[in-house]
Amino acid sequence: MSALPAEAAILIVGGGVVGVALAGFLAEEGREVVLVDAGAPAGSNSNAGSLHAQMQSRFMRIYPDQVPVLESTLHLYPKAIAFWRELESLLDADFGMSMHGGLMVAETDEQLEFLRYKAGRERAFGLDSEIVDRAELDRLAPYLGPAVIGAEFCANEGKLNPLRANAALRNRAIDKGAVLIDNVTVDRVVPRDSGFTVQTSAGHLRAGKIVIAAASGSRALCGALDVPVPVSPEALHVNITEPADPFIPHLVQHADRPITLKQFASGHVVIGGGWPARVTGPNDLPMVELASIVGNATLAQHIVPSVSGLHIIRTWAGINTVTDGKSILGPVEAVPGLYVAIPGDAGYTLGPLAARLVADCVLGRAPSEDMRNFSPARFAEAMKQPVSAAARP
């Protein structure tokens, strides 16, 4: 493991998909980059590999007030998936990427009507979504069970193997000259003159610029600098089966029940979708719940009956980061030299594109998106707004 240097032009805090992609983008431009990661289980190293474009029904059920916010950033998702493809080609790597679209299935007329409305909204924001009936599903996805009466098909969606993708992005950052140091926590950041003094578990470091890309851990780091970033952790569950011959080309979700289901190129079927895991303390590993193992697998074989013949060979829990529905990206105007890089819902899908946008900010270039829409300043501005009389206790 590399030793912590005394100085760095740019310090990145967080070694998930955003952090390592960002380190690679900056290092290839000749910037001196040090990345430190606490080594805690998070989203990227426990991700199930879905490349989401359509709005997830689970998000819409849990956070209905945030749906307009999510819709305002829907255009980013197809771009982010296309960027994954560009990266795979640029790195001459094999992410196990497969683009056969996604199916969100319905079992009732009410669910199908909900999907019809949702697909219409998504088309208005540029997504390639349509409703398919059971007869069309028999041709398109004969592996679906008899309870499914129709689905929304989103041609923009796909899947990849996050183990392959994470390793390729990390190796690229190292090859470009970035210094990546694992199992180091950042305890304190103090702005000094034109930079920062950073106290870590491995010693002190002086950095010219800092990018906080620590997912849900960003809240405490930014809060200590009086920068509100109200993200929160959410522990979720994933199952994976033994390998089987290819039979599920799509990313499969449900209109009203918590499930995502896909098959990797290796033949393994990965089953997730929002079943809860357990966290006992901020520094503890998230733990799987028996009820989630059983419930997740039972729902999977209801939707795709052929899954019932496969053994579950591993199960794990990871941490999802919950934002206000959209990404938090770019410079913190109140603290010169400080940047935030936290993708919004379905953050793994957005990860590399979010890193590219923040890298352009750090490099002083014009990003391809209007960054005002993602600015961390929106939370400080919201805190300044007067509370209406009706909202007062």
Foldseek 3Di string as FASTA:
>chain_A
DDADDQEAQEEEEAQALQRLLLLLVQLLVVGAYEYEYQQAFADLVPDPFKQDQADALVCCVVCVVLVVLQLVCSLLSLVLLVVLVVVCVVLVFAQLKAQAWEKAFEQDPVLLVVVQVSQVSSVVSPWDKDKDAPVVCCVVAVLWDPSTGITITTRSIIGGRSVRVSVSSNVSSVVSPYHYHYNKAWDAWADDDQWIWTQIPSGIHIYNFYEYAHFQVVQVHVVNVVQHFPKHKFKWKKWKWDADDDRFRHFYHYSPDFWTWDAGPRRIIMITGGHGWDDDDPRDHTHHDPCSVVVRQVVVCNGRVVSVVTGTDDMGMHIHMAGSNAAAWEDDVVRPRYIYQYGHPVRVSNNSVSSQQRSCRNVVHHGPDDCVSRHSCVVVVVVPDDDDPVRDD
